[in-house]
PDB file of N, CA and C in Angstrom:
ATOM      1  N   MET A   1       0.828  -1.164   0.000  1.00  0.00           N
ATOM      2  CA  MET A   1       0.000   0.000   0.000  1.00  0.00           C
ATOM      3  C   MET A   1       0.887   1.246   0.000  1.00  0.00           C
ATOM      4  N   SER A   2       0.681   2.132  -0.965  1.00  0.00           N
ATOM      5  CA  SER A   2       1.502   3.338  -1.045  1.00  0.00           C
ATOM      6  C   SER A   2       0.699   4.563  -0.625  1.00  0.00           C
ATOM      7  N   ARG A   3       1.430   5.466  -0.105  1.00  0.00           N
ATOM      8  CA  ARG A   3       0.797   6.716   0.330  1.00  0.00           C
ATOM      9  C   ARG A   3       1.152   7.836  -0.638  1.00  0.00           C
ATOM     10  N   ASP A   4       0.175   8.650  -0.932  1.00  0.00           N
ATOM     11  CA  ASP A   4       0.437   9.844  -1.731  1.00  0.00           C
ATOM     12  C   ASP A   4       0.718  10.995  -0.786  1.00  0.00           C
ATOM     13  N   ARG A   5       1.818  11.604  -1.013  1.00  0.00           N
ATOM     14  CA  ARG A   5       2.157  12.757  -0.184  1.00  0.00           C
ATOM     15  C   ARG A   5       2.006  14.026  -1.014  1.00  0.00           C
ATOM     16  N   SER A   6       1.290  14.943  -0.485  1.00  0.00           N
ATOM     17  CA  SER A   6       1.173  16.218  -1.199  1.00  0.00           C
ATOM     18  C   SER A   6       2.219  17.169  -0.643  1.00  0.00           C
ATOM     19  N   ARG A   7       2.748  17.915  -1.530  1.00  0.00           N
ATOM     20  CA  ARG A   7       3.762  18.875  -1.116  1.00  0.00           C
ATOM     21  C   ARG A   7       3.153  20.264  -1.130  1.00  0.00           C
ATOM     22  N   SER A   8       3.449  20.978  -0.108  1.00  0.00           N
ATOM     23  CA  SER A   8       2.961  22.339  -0.004  1.00  0.00           C
ATOM     24  C   SER A   8       3.688  23.212  -1.012  1.00  0.00           C
ATOM     25  N   ARG A   9       2.969  24.092  -1.659  1.00  0.00           N
ATOM     26  CA  ARG A   9       3.579  25.002  -2.625  1.00  0.00           C
ATOM     27  C   ARG A   9       3.803  26.384  -2.029  1.00  0.00           C
ATOM     28  N   SER A  10       3.494  26.547  -0.772  1.00  0.00           N
ATOM     29  CA  SER A  10       3.697  27.853  -0.156  1.00  0.00           C
ATOM     30  C   SER A  10       5.165  28.054   0.168  1.00  0.00           C
ATOM     31  N   ARG A  11       5.560  29.299   0.178  1.00  0.00           N
ATOM     32  CA  ARG A  11       6.945  29.632   0.500  1.00  0.00           C
ATOM     33  C   ARG A  11       7.140  29.577   1.988  1.00  0.00           C
ATOM     34  N   SER A  12       8.147  28.897   2.407  1.00  0.00           N
ATOM     35  CA  SER A  12       8.457  28.893   3.824  1.00  0.00           C
ATOM     36  C   SER A  12       9.741  29.669   4.044  1.00  0.00           C
ATOM     37  N   PRO A  13       9.870  30.296   5.194  1.00  0.00           N
ATOM     38  CA  PRO A  13      11.093  31.052   5.452  1.00  0.00           C
ATOM     39  C   PRO A  13      12.321  30.164   5.417  1.00  0.00           C
ATOM     40  N   ARG A  14      13.450  30.770   5.097  1.00  0.00           N
ATOM     41  CA  ARG A  14      14.693  30.009   5.090  1.00  0.00           C
ATOM     42  C   ARG A  14      15.072  29.652   6.511  1.00  0.00           C
ATOM     43  N   ARG A  15      16.105  28.843   6.630  1.00  0.00           N
ATOM     44  CA  ARG A  15      16.562  28.455   7.965  1.00  0.00           C
ATOM     45  C   ARG A  15      16.819  29.662   8.833  1.00  0.00           C
ATOM     46  N   GLY A  16      16.550  29.522  10.100  1.00  0.00           N
ATOM     47  CA  GLY A  16      16.755  30.627  11.022  1.00  0.00           C
ATOM     48  C   GLY A  16      15.567  31.561  11.074  1.00  0.00           C
ATOM     49  N   GLY A  17      14.467  31.212  10.392  1.00  0.00           N
ATOM     50  CA  GLY A  17      13.266  32.020  10.428  1.00  0.00           C
ATOM     51  C   GLY A  17      13.366  33.314   9.624  1.00  0.00           C
ATOM     52  N   ARG A  18      14.363  33.421   8.783  1.00  0.00           N
ATOM     53  CA  ARG A  18      14.559  34.644   8.022  1.00  0.00           C
ATOM     54  C   ARG A  18      13.954  34.511   6.637  1.00  0.00           C
ATOM     55  N   ASP A  19      13.181  35.474   6.259  1.00  0.00           N
ATOM     56  CA  ASP A  19      12.543  35.491   4.957  1.00  0.00           C
ATOM     57  C   ASP A  19      13.372  36.363   4.015  1.00  0.00           C
ATOM     58  N   ASP A  20      13.459  35.999   2.727  1.00  0.00           N
ATOM     59  CA  ASP A  20      14.209  36.782   1.744  1.00  0.00           C
ATOM     60  C   ASP A  20      13.711  38.216   1.664  1.00  0.00           C
ATOM     61  N   ARG A  21      12.444  38.449   1.930  1.00  0.00           N
ATOM     62  CA  ARG A  21      11.866  39.777   1.794  1.00  0.00           C
ATOM     63  C   ARG A  21      12.411  40.756   2.828  1.00  0.00           C
ATOM     64  N   ASP A  22      13.053  40.254   3.900  1.00  0.00           N
ATOM     65  CA  ASP A  22      13.631  41.129   4.907  1.00  0.00           C
ATOM     66  C   ASP A  22      15.033  41.576   4.523  1.00  0.00           C
ATOM     67  N   ASP A  23      15.583  41.017   3.478  1.00  0.00           N
ATOM     68  CA  ASP A  23      16.954  41.267   3.073  1.00  0.00           C
ATOM     69  C   ASP A  23      17.040  42.554   2.242  1.00  0.00           C
ATOM     70  N   PRO A  24      17.752  43.576   2.735  1.00  0.00           N
ATOM     71  CA  PRO A  24      17.878  44.817   1.970  1.00  0.00           C
ATOM     72  C   PRO A  24      18.496  44.610   0.589  1.00  0.00           C
ATOM     73  N   ALA A  25      19.292  43.575   0.420  1.00  0.00           N
ATOM     74  CA  ALA A  25      19.910  43.306  -0.881  1.00  0.00           C
ATOM     75  C   ALA A  25      18.872  42.892  -1.921  1.00  0.00           C
ATOM     76  N   GLN A  26      17.713  42.414  -1.476  1.00  0.00           N
ATOM     77  CA  GLN A  26      16.659  41.994  -2.391  1.00  0.00           C
ATOM     78  C   GLN A  26      15.781  43.165  -2.833  1.00  0.00           C
ATOM     79  N   ARG A  27      15.899  44.309  -2.175  1.00  0.00           N
ATOM     80  CA  ARG A  27      15.088  45.478  -2.516  1.00  0.00           C
ATOM     81  C   ARG A  27      15.580  46.099  -3.815  1.00  0.00           C
ATOM     82  N   CYS A  28      14.669  46.818  -4.469  1.00  0.00           N
ATOM     83  CA  CYS A  28      15.025  47.435  -5.741  1.00  0.00           C
ATOM     84  C   CYS A  28      14.244  48.730  -5.911  1.00  0.00           C
ATOM     85  N   SER A  29      14.945  49.795  -6.255  1.00  0.00           N
ATOM     86  CA  SER A  29      14.310  51.078  -6.513  1.00  0.00           C
ATOM     87  C   SER A  29      14.065  51.240  -8.005  1.00  0.00           C
ATOM     88  N   VAL A  30      12.888  51.759  -8.315  1.00  0.00           N
ATOM     89  CA  VAL A  30      12.481  51.983  -9.689  1.00  0.00           C
ATOM     90  C   VAL A  30      12.306  53.487  -9.890  1.00  0.00           C
ATOM     91  N   LEU A  31      12.873  54.017 -10.957  1.00  0.00           N
ATOM     92  CA  LEU A  31      12.734  55.425 -11.301  1.00  0.00           C
ATOM     93  C   LEU A  31      11.558  55.577 -12.257  1.00  0.00           C
ATOM     94  N   VAL A  32      10.676  56.519 -11.950  1.00  0.00           N
ATOM     95  CA  VAL A  32       9.514  56.789 -12.795  1.00  0.00           C
ATOM     96  C   VAL A  32       9.647  58.225 -13.306  1.00  0.00           C
ATOM     97  N   ARG A  33       9.796  58.383 -14.596  1.00  0.00           N
ATOM     98  CA  ARG A  33       9.970  59.708 -15.211  1.00  0.00           C
ATOM     99  C   ARG A  33       8.684  60.169 -15.883  1.00  0.00           C
ATOM    100  N   ASN A  34       8.579  61.482 -16.069  1.00  0.00           N
ATOM    101  CA  ASN A  34       7.491  62.134 -16.795  1.00  0.00           C
ATOM    102  C   ASN A  34       6.151  62.046 -16.063  1.00  0.00           C
ATOM    103  N   LEU A  35       6.190  62.100 -14.750  1.00  0.00           N
ATOM    104  CA  LEU A  35       4.947  62.116 -13.972  1.00  0.00           C
ATOM    105  C   LEU A  35       4.290  63.490 -14.064  1.00  0.00           C
ATOM    106  N   PRO A  36       2.960  63.544 -14.101  1.00  0.00           N
ATOM    107  CA  PRO A  36       2.287  64.842 -14.036  1.00  0.00           C
ATOM    108  C   PRO A  36       2.678  65.550 -12.730  1.00  0.00           C
ATOM    109  N   LEU A  37       2.784  66.863 -12.769  1.00  0.00           N
ATOM    110  CA  LEU A  37       3.249  67.605 -11.606  1.00  0.00           C
ATOM    111  C   LEU A  37       2.278  67.564 -10.427  1.00  0.00           C
ATOM    112  N   ASP A  38       1.023  67.219 -10.676  1.00  0.00           N
ATOM    113  CA  ASP A  38       0.046  67.149  -9.581  1.00  0.00           C
ATOM    114  C   ASP A  38      -0.129  65.727  -9.033  1.00  0.00           C
ATOM    115  N   THR A  39       0.763  64.822  -9.381  1.00  0.00           N
ATOM    116  CA  THR A  39       0.681  63.426  -8.940  1.00  0.00           C
ATOM    117  C   THR A  39       0.948  63.321  -7.442  1.00  0.00           C
ATOM    118  N   ARG A  40       0.140  62.485  -6.776  1.00  0.00           N
ATOM    119  CA  ARG A  40       0.332  62.216  -5.352  1.00  0.00           C
ATOM    120  C   ARG A  40       0.960  60.830  -5.189  1.00  0.00           C
ATOM    121  N   ALA A  41       1.714  60.651  -4.110  1.00  0.00           N
ATOM    122  CA  ALA A  41       2.395  59.382  -3.842  1.00  0.00           C
ATOM    123  C   ALA A  41       1.394  58.227  -3.769  1.00  0.00           C
ATOM    124  N   GLU A  42       0.212  58.476  -3.247  1.00  0.00           N
ATOM    125  CA  GLU A  42      -0.803  57.421  -3.133  1.00  0.00           C
ATOM    126  C   GLU A  42      -1.227  56.905  -4.505  1.00  0.00           C
ATOM    127  N   GLU A  43      -1.285  57.794  -5.498  1.00  0.00           N
ATOM    128  CA  GLU A  43      -1.656  57.394  -6.853  1.00  0.00           C
ATOM    129  C   GLU A  43      -0.576  56.501  -7.466  1.00  0.00           C
ATOM    130  N   VAL A  44       0.669  56.860  -7.246  1.00  0.00           N
ATOM    131  CA  VAL A  44       1.781  56.060  -7.762  1.00  0.00           C
ATOM    132  C   VAL A  44       1.790  54.700  -7.077  1.00  0.00           C
ATOM    133  N   ARG A  45       1.614  54.700  -5.755  1.00  0.00           N
ATOM    134  CA  ARG A  45       1.579  53.439  -4.999  1.00  0.00           C
ATOM    135  C   ARG A  45       0.478  52.522  -5.530  1.00  0.00           C
ATOM    136  N   ALA A  46      -0.710  53.064  -5.764  1.00  0.00           N
ATOM    137  CA  ALA A  46      -1.838  52.258  -6.246  1.00  0.00           C
ATOM    138  C   ALA A  46      -1.532  51.603  -7.593  1.00  0.00           C
ATOM    139  N   LYS A  47      -0.857  52.329  -8.474  1.00  0.00           N
ATOM    140  CA  LYS A  47      -0.540  51.779  -9.798  1.00  0.00           C
ATOM    141  C   LYS A  47       0.528  50.688  -9.721  1.00  0.00           C
ATOM    142  N   PHE A  48       1.520  50.879  -8.861  1.00  0.00           N
ATOM    143  CA  PHE A  48       2.655  49.972  -8.818  1.00  0.00           C
ATOM    144  C   PHE A  48       2.461  48.774  -7.890  1.00  0.00           C
ATOM    145  N   GLU A  49       1.641  48.893  -6.854  1.00  0.00           N
ATOM    146  CA  GLU A  49       1.526  47.792  -5.899  1.00  0.00           C
ATOM    147  C   GLU A  49       0.783  46.586  -6.468  1.00  0.00           C
ATOM    148  N   ARG A  50       0.225  46.717  -7.642  1.00  0.00           N
ATOM    149  CA  ARG A  50      -0.372  45.561  -8.308  1.00  0.00           C
ATOM    150  C   ARG A  50       0.684  44.532  -8.693  1.00  0.00           C
ATOM    151  N   TYR A  51       1.932  44.963  -8.752  1.00  0.00           N
ATOM    152  CA  TYR A  51       3.015  44.089  -9.192  1.00  0.00           C
ATOM    153  C   TYR A  51       3.882  43.577  -8.053  1.00  0.00           C
ATOM    154  N   GLY A  52       3.624  44.030  -6.832  1.00  0.00           N
ATOM    155  CA  GLY A  52       4.393  43.535  -5.697  1.00  0.00           C
ATOM    156  C   GLY A  52       4.334  44.462  -4.497  1.00  0.00           C
ATOM    157  N   ALA A  53       4.942  43.995  -3.422  1.00  0.00           N
ATOM    158  CA  ALA A  53       4.970  44.752  -2.170  1.00  0.00           C
ATOM    159  C   ALA A  53       5.902  45.956  -2.311  1.00  0.00           C
ATOM    160  N   ILE A  54       5.416  47.106  -1.880  1.00  0.00           N
ATOM    161  CA  ILE A  54       6.179  48.349  -1.986  1.00  0.00           C
ATOM    162  C   ILE A  54       6.602  48.797  -0.598  1.00  0.00           C
ATOM    163  N   ARG A  55       7.850  49.174  -0.488  1.00  0.00           N
ATOM    164  CA  ARG A  55       8.383  49.665   0.784  1.00  0.00           C
ATOM    165  C   ARG A  55       8.222  51.175   0.904  1.00  0.00           C
ATOM    166  N   ASP A  56       8.423  51.901  -0.217  1.00  0.00           N
ATOM    167  CA  ASP A  56       8.396  53.359  -0.150  1.00  0.00           C
ATOM    168  C   ASP A  56       8.110  53.959  -1.525  1.00  0.00           C
ATOM    169  N   VAL A  57       7.422  55.105  -1.523  1.00  0.00           N
ATOM    170  CA  VAL A  57       7.228  55.901  -2.729  1.00  0.00           C
ATOM    171  C   VAL A  57       7.715  57.302  -2.393  1.00  0.00           C
ATOM    172  N   TYR A  58       8.584  57.849  -3.236  1.00  0.00           N
ATOM    173  CA  TYR A  58       9.159  59.164  -2.975  1.00  0.00           C
ATOM    174  C   TYR A  58       9.067  60.010  -4.240  1.00  0.00           C
ATOM    175  N   LEU A  59       8.414  61.170  -4.120  1.00  0.00           N
ATOM    176  CA  LEU A  59       8.293  62.107  -5.222  1.00  0.00           C
ATOM    177  C   LEU A  59       9.067  63.373  -4.843  1.00  0.00           C
ATOM    178  N   PRO A  60      10.287  63.540  -5.355  1.00  0.00           N
ATOM    179  CA  PRO A  60      11.116  64.688  -4.974  1.00  0.00           C
ATOM    180  C   PRO A  60      10.498  66.023  -5.390  1.00  0.00           C
ATOM    181  N   LYS A  61      10.808  67.038  -4.590  1.00  0.00           N
ATOM    182  CA  LYS A  61      10.380  68.403  -4.892  1.00  0.00           C
ATOM    183  C   LYS A  61      11.620  69.290  -4.976  1.00  0.00           C
ATOM    184  N   ASP A  62      11.490  70.371  -5.707  1.00  0.00           N
ATOM    185  CA  ASP A  62      12.573  71.340  -5.801  1.00  0.00           C
ATOM    186  C   ASP A  62      12.851  71.900  -4.407  1.00  0.00           C
ATOM    187  N   TYR A  63      14.100  71.966  -4.027  1.00  0.00           N
ATOM    188  CA  TYR A  63      14.477  72.387  -2.687  1.00  0.00           C
ATOM    189  C   TYR A  63      14.015  73.810  -2.384  1.00  0.00           C
ATOM    190  N   TYR A  64      14.138  74.718  -3.344  1.00  0.00           N
ATOM    191  CA  TYR A  64      13.829  76.128  -3.102  1.00  0.00           C
ATOM    192  C   TYR A  64      12.349  76.468  -3.284  1.00  0.00           C
ATOM    193  N   SER A  65      11.736  75.963  -4.342  1.00  0.00           N
ATOM    194  CA  SER A  65      10.344  76.343  -4.638  1.00  0.00           C
ATOM    195  C   SER A  65       9.324  75.399  -4.004  1.00  0.00           C
ATOM    196  N   GLY A  66       9.742  74.163  -3.708  1.00  0.00           N
ATOM    197  CA  GLY A  66       8.804  73.187  -3.151  1.00  0.00           C
ATOM    198  C   GLY A  66       7.896  72.560  -4.201  1.00  0.00           C
ATOM    199  N   ARG A  67       8.115  72.886  -5.462  1.00  0.00           N
ATOM    200  CA  ARG A  67       7.291  72.323  -6.534  1.00  0.00           C
ATOM    201  C   ARG A  67       7.798  70.928  -6.935  1.00  0.00           C
ATOM    202  N   PRO A  68       6.875  70.049  -7.356  1.00  0.00           N
ATOM    203  CA  PRO A  68       7.278  68.705  -7.813  1.00  0.00           C
ATOM    204  C   PRO A  68       8.207  68.796  -9.007  1.00  0.00           C
ATOM    205  N   ARG A  69       9.058  67.786  -9.139  1.00  0.00           N
ATOM    206  CA  ARG A  69      10.049  67.778 -10.217  1.00  0.00           C
ATOM    207  C   ARG A  69       9.674  66.871 -11.380  1.00  0.00           C
ATOM    208  N   GLY A  70       8.540  66.158 -11.285  1.00  0.00           N
ATOM    209  CA  GLY A  70       8.054  65.375 -12.415  1.00  0.00           C
ATOM    210  C   GLY A  70       8.609  63.961 -12.513  1.00  0.00           C
ATOM    211  N   PHE A  71       9.249  63.498 -11.458  1.00  0.00           N
ATOM    212  CA  PHE A  71       9.711  62.114 -11.429  1.00  0.00           C
ATOM    213  C   PHE A  71       9.600  61.599 -10.006  1.00  0.00           C
ATOM    214  N   GLY A  72       9.774  60.287  -9.856  1.00  0.00           N
ATOM    215  CA  GLY A  72       9.674  59.702  -8.526  1.00  0.00           C
ATOM    216  C   GLY A  72      10.380  58.364  -8.456  1.00  0.00           C
ATOM    217  N   PHE A  73      10.428  57.836  -7.231  1.00  0.00           N
ATOM    218  CA  PHE A  73      11.054  56.547  -6.988  1.00  0.00           C
ATOM    219  C   PHE A  73      10.071  55.645  -6.262  1.00  0.00           C
ATOM    220  N   VAL A  74      10.024  54.397  -6.680  1.00  0.00           N
ATOM    221  CA  VAL A  74       9.206  53.384  -6.014  1.00  0.00           C
ATOM    222  C   VAL A  74      10.168  52.292  -5.572  1.00  0.00           C
ATOM    223  N   GLU A  75      10.219  52.025  -4.268  1.00  0.00           N
ATOM    224  CA  GLU A  75      11.108  50.984  -3.761  1.00  0.00           C
ATOM    225  C   GLU A  75      10.296  49.717  -3.489  1.00  0.00           C
ATOM    226  N   PHE A  76      10.626  48.669  -4.222  1.00  0.00           N
ATOM    227  CA  PHE A  76       9.984  47.372  -4.060  1.00  0.00           C
ATOM    228  C   PHE A  76      10.745  46.545  -3.039  1.00  0.00           C
ATOM    229  N   VAL A  77      10.034  45.683  -2.346  1.00  0.00           N
ATOM    230  CA  VAL A  77      10.642  44.785  -1.375  1.00  0.00           C
ATOM    231  C   VAL A  77      11.432  43.693  -2.086  1.00  0.00           C
ATOM    232  N   ASP A  78      10.976  43.297  -3.257  1.00  0.00           N
ATOM    233  CA  ASP A  78      11.599  42.197  -3.989  1.00  0.00           C
ATOM    234  C   ASP A  78      12.009  42.654  -5.390  1.00  0.00           C
ATOM    235  N   VAL A  79      13.229  42.363  -5.770  1.00  0.00           N
ATOM    236  CA  VAL A  79      13.769  42.798  -7.058  1.00  0.00           C
ATOM    237  C   VAL A  79      12.997  42.183  -8.228  1.00  0.00           C
ATOM    238  N   ARG A  80      12.508  40.953  -8.098  1.00  0.00           N
ATOM    239  CA  ARG A  80      11.757  40.319  -9.194  1.00  0.00           C
ATOM    240  C   ARG A  80      10.440  41.041  -9.454  1.00  0.00           C
ATOM    241  N   GLU A  81       9.796  41.499  -8.388  1.00  0.00           N
ATOM    242  CA  GLU A  81       8.543  42.231  -8.543  1.00  0.00           C
ATOM    243  C   GLU A  81       8.800  43.592  -9.185  1.00  0.00           C
ATOM    244  N   ALA A  82       9.919  44.215  -8.845  1.00  0.00           N
ATOM    245  CA  ALA A  82      10.294  45.498  -9.455  1.00  0.00           C
ATOM    246  C   ALA A  82      10.523  45.321 -10.953  1.00  0.00           C
ATOM    247  N   GLU A  83      11.211  44.255 -11.323  1.00  0.00           N
ATOM    248  CA  GLU A  83      11.472  43.999 -12.736  1.00  0.00           C
ATOM    249  C   GLU A  83      10.181  43.756 -13.509  1.00  0.00           C
ATOM    250  N   ASP A  84       9.218  43.091 -12.865  1.00  0.00           N
ATOM    251  CA  ASP A  84       7.915  42.862 -13.489  1.00  0.00           C
ATOM    252  C   ASP A  84       7.196  44.198 -13.710  1.00  0.00           C
ATOM    253  N   ALA A  85       7.232  45.073 -12.716  1.00  0.00           N
ATOM    254  CA  ALA A  85       6.596  46.386 -12.842  1.00  0.00           C
ATOM    255  C   ALA A  85       7.252  47.209 -13.954  1.00  0.00           C
ATOM    256  N   ILE A  86       8.563  47.156 -14.039  1.00  0.00           N
ATOM    257  CA  ILE A  86       9.274  47.878 -15.095  1.00  0.00           C
ATOM    258  C   ILE A  86       8.817  47.379 -16.460  1.00  0.00           C
ATOM    259  N   TYR A  87       8.770  46.074 -16.626  1.00  0.00           N
ATOM    260  CA  TYR A  87       8.378  45.473 -17.899  1.00  0.00           C
ATOM    261  C   TYR A  87       6.953  45.860 -18.289  1.00  0.00           C
ATOM    262  N   ARG A  88       6.046  45.838 -17.311  1.00  0.00           N
ATOM    263  CA  ARG A  88       4.632  46.067 -17.614  1.00  0.00           C
ATOM    264  C   ARG A  88       4.216  47.541 -17.661  1.00  0.00           C
ATOM    265  N   LEU A  89       4.944  48.418 -16.980  1.00  0.00           N
ATOM    266  CA  LEU A  89       4.500  49.809 -16.887  1.00  0.00           C
ATOM    267  C   LEU A  89       5.305  50.804 -17.711  1.00  0.00           C
ATOM    268  N   ASP A  90       6.472  50.418 -18.199  1.00  0.00           N
ATOM    269  CA  ASP A  90       7.264  51.333 -19.021  1.00  0.00           C
ATOM    270  C   ASP A  90       6.482  51.697 -20.278  1.00  0.00           C
ATOM    271  N   LYS A  91       6.456  52.993 -20.593  1.00  0.00           N
ATOM    272  CA  LYS A  91       5.772  53.533 -21.772  1.00  0.00           C
ATOM    273  C   LYS A  91       4.255  53.346 -21.720  1.00  0.00           C
ATOM    274  N   THR A  92       3.693  53.349 -20.503  1.00  0.00           N
ATOM    275  CA  THR A  92       2.236  53.325 -20.351  1.00  0.00           C
ATOM    276  C   THR A  92       1.773  54.724 -19.951  1.00  0.00           C
ATOM    277  N   LEU A  93       0.467  54.958 -20.024  1.00  0.00           N
ATOM    278  CA  LEU A  93      -0.087  56.261 -19.662  1.00  0.00           C
ATOM    279  C   LEU A  93      -0.372  56.337 -18.169  1.00  0.00           C
ATOM    280  N   PHE A  94      -0.033  57.479 -17.611  1.00  0.00           N
ATOM    281  CA  PHE A  94      -0.323  57.771 -16.204  1.00  0.00           C
ATOM    282  C   PHE A  94      -0.702  59.247 -16.135  1.00  0.00           C
ATOM    283  N   GLY A  95      -1.940  59.518 -15.772  1.00  0.00           N
ATOM    284  CA  GLY A  95      -2.392  60.911 -15.703  1.00  0.00           C
ATOM    285  C   GLY A  95      -2.305  61.632 -17.030  1.00  0.00           C
ATOM    286  N   GLY A  96      -2.498  60.897 -18.122  1.00  0.00           N
ATOM    287  CA  GLY A  96      -2.459  61.507 -19.448  1.00  0.00           C
ATOM    288  C   GLY A  96      -1.070  61.667 -20.039  1.00  0.00           C
ATOM    289  N   ARG A  97      -0.053  61.180 -19.344  1.00  0.00           N
ATOM    290  CA  ARG A  97       1.328  61.293 -19.844  1.00  0.00           C
ATOM    291  C   ARG A  97       1.951  59.909 -19.961  1.00  0.00           C
ATOM    292  N   GLU A  98       2.812  59.744 -20.959  1.00  0.00           N
ATOM    293  CA  GLU A  98       3.528  58.475 -21.111  1.00  0.00           C
ATOM    294  C   GLU A  98       4.714  58.478 -20.151  1.00  0.00           C
ATOM    295  N   ILE A  99       4.705  57.538 -19.210  1.00  0.00           N
ATOM    296  CA  ILE A  99       5.785  57.480 -18.223  1.00  0.00           C
ATOM    297  C   ILE A  99       6.892  56.538 -18.693  1.00  0.00           C
ATOM    298  N   GLN A 100       8.078  56.809 -18.196  1.00  0.00           N
ATOM    299  CA  GLN A 100       9.216  55.917 -18.417  1.00  0.00           C
ATOM    300  C   GLN A 100       9.536  55.289 -17.067  1.00  0.00           C
ATOM    301  N   VAL A 101       9.665  53.980 -17.062  1.00  0.00           N
ATOM    302  CA  VAL A 101       9.943  53.249 -15.825  1.00  0.00           C
ATOM    303  C   VAL A 101      11.216  52.439 -16.040  1.00  0.00           C
ATOM    304  N   LEU A 102      12.212  52.667 -15.179  1.00  0.00           N
ATOM    305  CA  LEU A 102      13.464  51.941 -15.304  1.00  0.00           C
ATOM    306  C   LEU A 102      14.083  51.715 -13.934  1.00  0.00           C
ATOM    307  N   LYS A 103      15.003  50.786 -13.888  1.00  0.00           N
ATOM    308  CA  LYS A 103      15.681  50.467 -12.635  1.00  0.00           C
ATOM    309  C   LYS A 103      16.555  51.645 -12.234  1.00  0.00           C
ATOM    310  N   SER A 104      16.435  52.051 -10.992  1.00  0.00           N
ATOM    311  CA  SER A 104      17.208  53.186 -10.497  1.00  0.00           C
ATOM    312  C   SER A 104      18.645  52.755 -10.237  1.00  0.00           C
ATOM    313  N   SER A 105      19.580  53.592 -10.653  1.00  0.00           N
ATOM    314  CA  SER A 105      20.992  53.257 -10.451  1.00  0.00           C
ATOM    315  C   SER A 105      21.508  53.759  -9.108  1.00  0.00           C
ATOM    316  N   GLU A 106      20.751  54.642  -8.455  1.00  0.00           N
ATOM    317  CA  GLU A 106      21.177  55.197  -7.179  1.00  0.00           C
ATOM    318  C   GLU A 106      20.084  55.023  -6.141  1.00  0.00           C
ATOM    319  N   SER A 107      20.480  55.123  -4.878  1.00  0.00           N
ATOM    320  CA  SER A 107      19.502  55.038  -3.805  1.00  0.00           C
ATOM    321  C   SER A 107      18.913  56.426  -3.543  1.00  0.00           C
ATOM    322  N   ARG A 108      17.904  56.469  -2.715  1.00  0.00           N
ATOM    323  CA  ARG A 108      17.218  57.712  -2.398  1.00  0.00           C
ATOM    324  C   ARG A 108      18.158  58.709  -1.721  1.00  0.00           C
ATOM    325  N   LYS A 109      18.070  59.944  -2.145  1.00  0.00           N
ATOM    326  CA  LYS A 109      18.903  61.002  -1.595  1.00  0.00           C
ATOM    327  C   LYS A 109      18.134  61.776  -0.523  1.00  0.00           C
ATOM    328  N   THR A 110      18.878  62.312   0.435  1.00  0.00           N
ATOM    329  CA  THR A 110      18.268  63.173   1.446  1.00  0.00           C
ATOM    330  C   THR A 110      18.119  64.573   0.857  1.00  0.00           C
ATOM    331  N   PRO A 111      17.267  65.418   1.447  1.00  0.00           N
ATOM    332  CA  PRO A 111      17.170  66.797   0.953  1.00  0.00           C
ATOM    333  C   PRO A 111      18.524  67.518   0.963  1.00  0.00           C
ATOM    334  N   ARG A 112      19.353  67.226   1.955  1.00  0.00           N
ATOM    335  CA  ARG A 112      20.678  67.853   2.035  1.00  0.00           C
ATOM    336  C   ARG A 112      21.555  67.429   0.855  1.00  0.00           C
ATOM    337  N   ASP A 113      21.496  66.131   0.493  1.00  0.00           N
ATOM    338  CA  ASP A 113      22.252  65.652  -0.666  1.00  0.00           C
ATOM    339  C   ASP A 113      21.828  66.381  -1.937  1.00  0.00           C
ATOM    340  N   MET A 114      20.534  66.577  -2.084  1.00  0.00           N
ATOM    341  CA  MET A 114      20.021  67.240  -3.281  1.00  0.00           C
ATOM    342  C   MET A 114      20.436  68.708  -3.321  1.00  0.00           C
ATOM    343  N   LEU A 115      20.442  69.371  -2.169  1.00  0.00           N
ATOM    344  CA  LEU A 115      20.874  70.763  -2.114  1.00  0.00           C
ATOM    345  C   LEU A 115      22.341  70.871  -2.514  1.00  0.00           C
ATOM    346  N   ASP A 116      23.167  69.981  -1.980  1.00  0.00           N
ATOM    347  CA  ASP A 116      24.587  69.976  -2.325  1.00  0.00           C
ATOM    348  C   ASP A 116      24.794  69.716  -3.816  1.00  0.00           C
ATOM    349  N   ARG A 117      23.977  68.853  -4.382  1.00  0.00           N
ATOM    350  CA  ARG A 117      24.087  68.515  -5.804  1.00  0.00           C
ATOM    351  C   ARG A 117      23.713  69.723  -6.674  1.00  0.00           C
ATOM    352  N   GLU A 118      22.659  70.477  -6.265  1.00  0.00           N
ATOM    353  CA  GLU A 118      22.244  71.654  -7.028  1.00  0.00           C
ATOM    354  C   GLU A 118      23.278  72.769  -6.971  1.00  0.00           C
ATOM    355  N   ARG A 119      23.945  72.897  -5.860  1.00  0.00           N
ATOM    356  CA  ARG A 119      24.958  73.947  -5.697  1.00  0.00           C
ATOM    357  C   ARG A 119      26.177  73.689  -6.569  1.00  0.00           C
ATOM    358  N   GLY A 120      26.468  72.438  -6.827  1.00  0.00           N
ATOM    359  CA  GLY A 120      27.604  72.084  -7.671  1.00  0.00           C
ATOM    360  C   GLY A 120      28.839  71.773  -6.864  1.00  0.00           C
ATOM    361  N   PRO A 121      29.897  71.287  -7.524  1.00  0.00           N
ATOM    362  CA  PRO A 121      31.122  70.909  -6.831  1.00  0.00           C
ATOM    363  C   PRO A 121      31.888  72.124  -6.326  1.00  0.00           C
ATOM    364  N   GLY A 122      32.611  71.916  -5.221  1.00  0.00           N
ATOM    365  CA  GLY A 122      33.490  72.944  -4.710  1.00  0.00           C
ATOM    366  C   GLY A 122      32.834  73.973  -3.810  1.00  0.00           C
ATOM    367  N   ARG A 123      31.570  73.799  -3.490  1.00  0.00           N
ATOM    368  CA  ARG A 123      30.895  74.753  -2.611  1.00  0.00           C
ATOM    369  C   ARG A 123      30.615  74.145  -1.273  1.00  0.00           C
TER     370      ARG A 123
END
C-alpha cells in the first residue's frame, strides 16, 4: 500500500526564520519619469503595488520652490517584482502622460544631498 504525499507550494522562510523579503539586498528602486506635476504618492503606490509589495514611494520636490520635479522613486521589497513592474509599466499612460519606468541606479537622496548637488562641486 503506497501513500500519496502532497507537497505544499507555499513559500516557507529560510533556515533561522529569516525570509528573503527582509533582506535589503533583495530590494530594488524603480525610477519613474514624466509624472504629471500634480501626482500624489498614493496614486503612484496604487498603480505599482499591483506588481508587488512596496516599501516606499518618494516624489522629490525642488528644494527652493517646493514644486514637484516630475519624477519619482518606487522601492519594491523584492527585485523580481520590481522587474515585473518595469516590464509592464514602461511607456504606459499615467495621468495623461507616457511614463518611463526603469531600474534606479542610485539610492534615495536626502534633501541635504540634493541641495549639495544643485549647488555644484566645490561649494
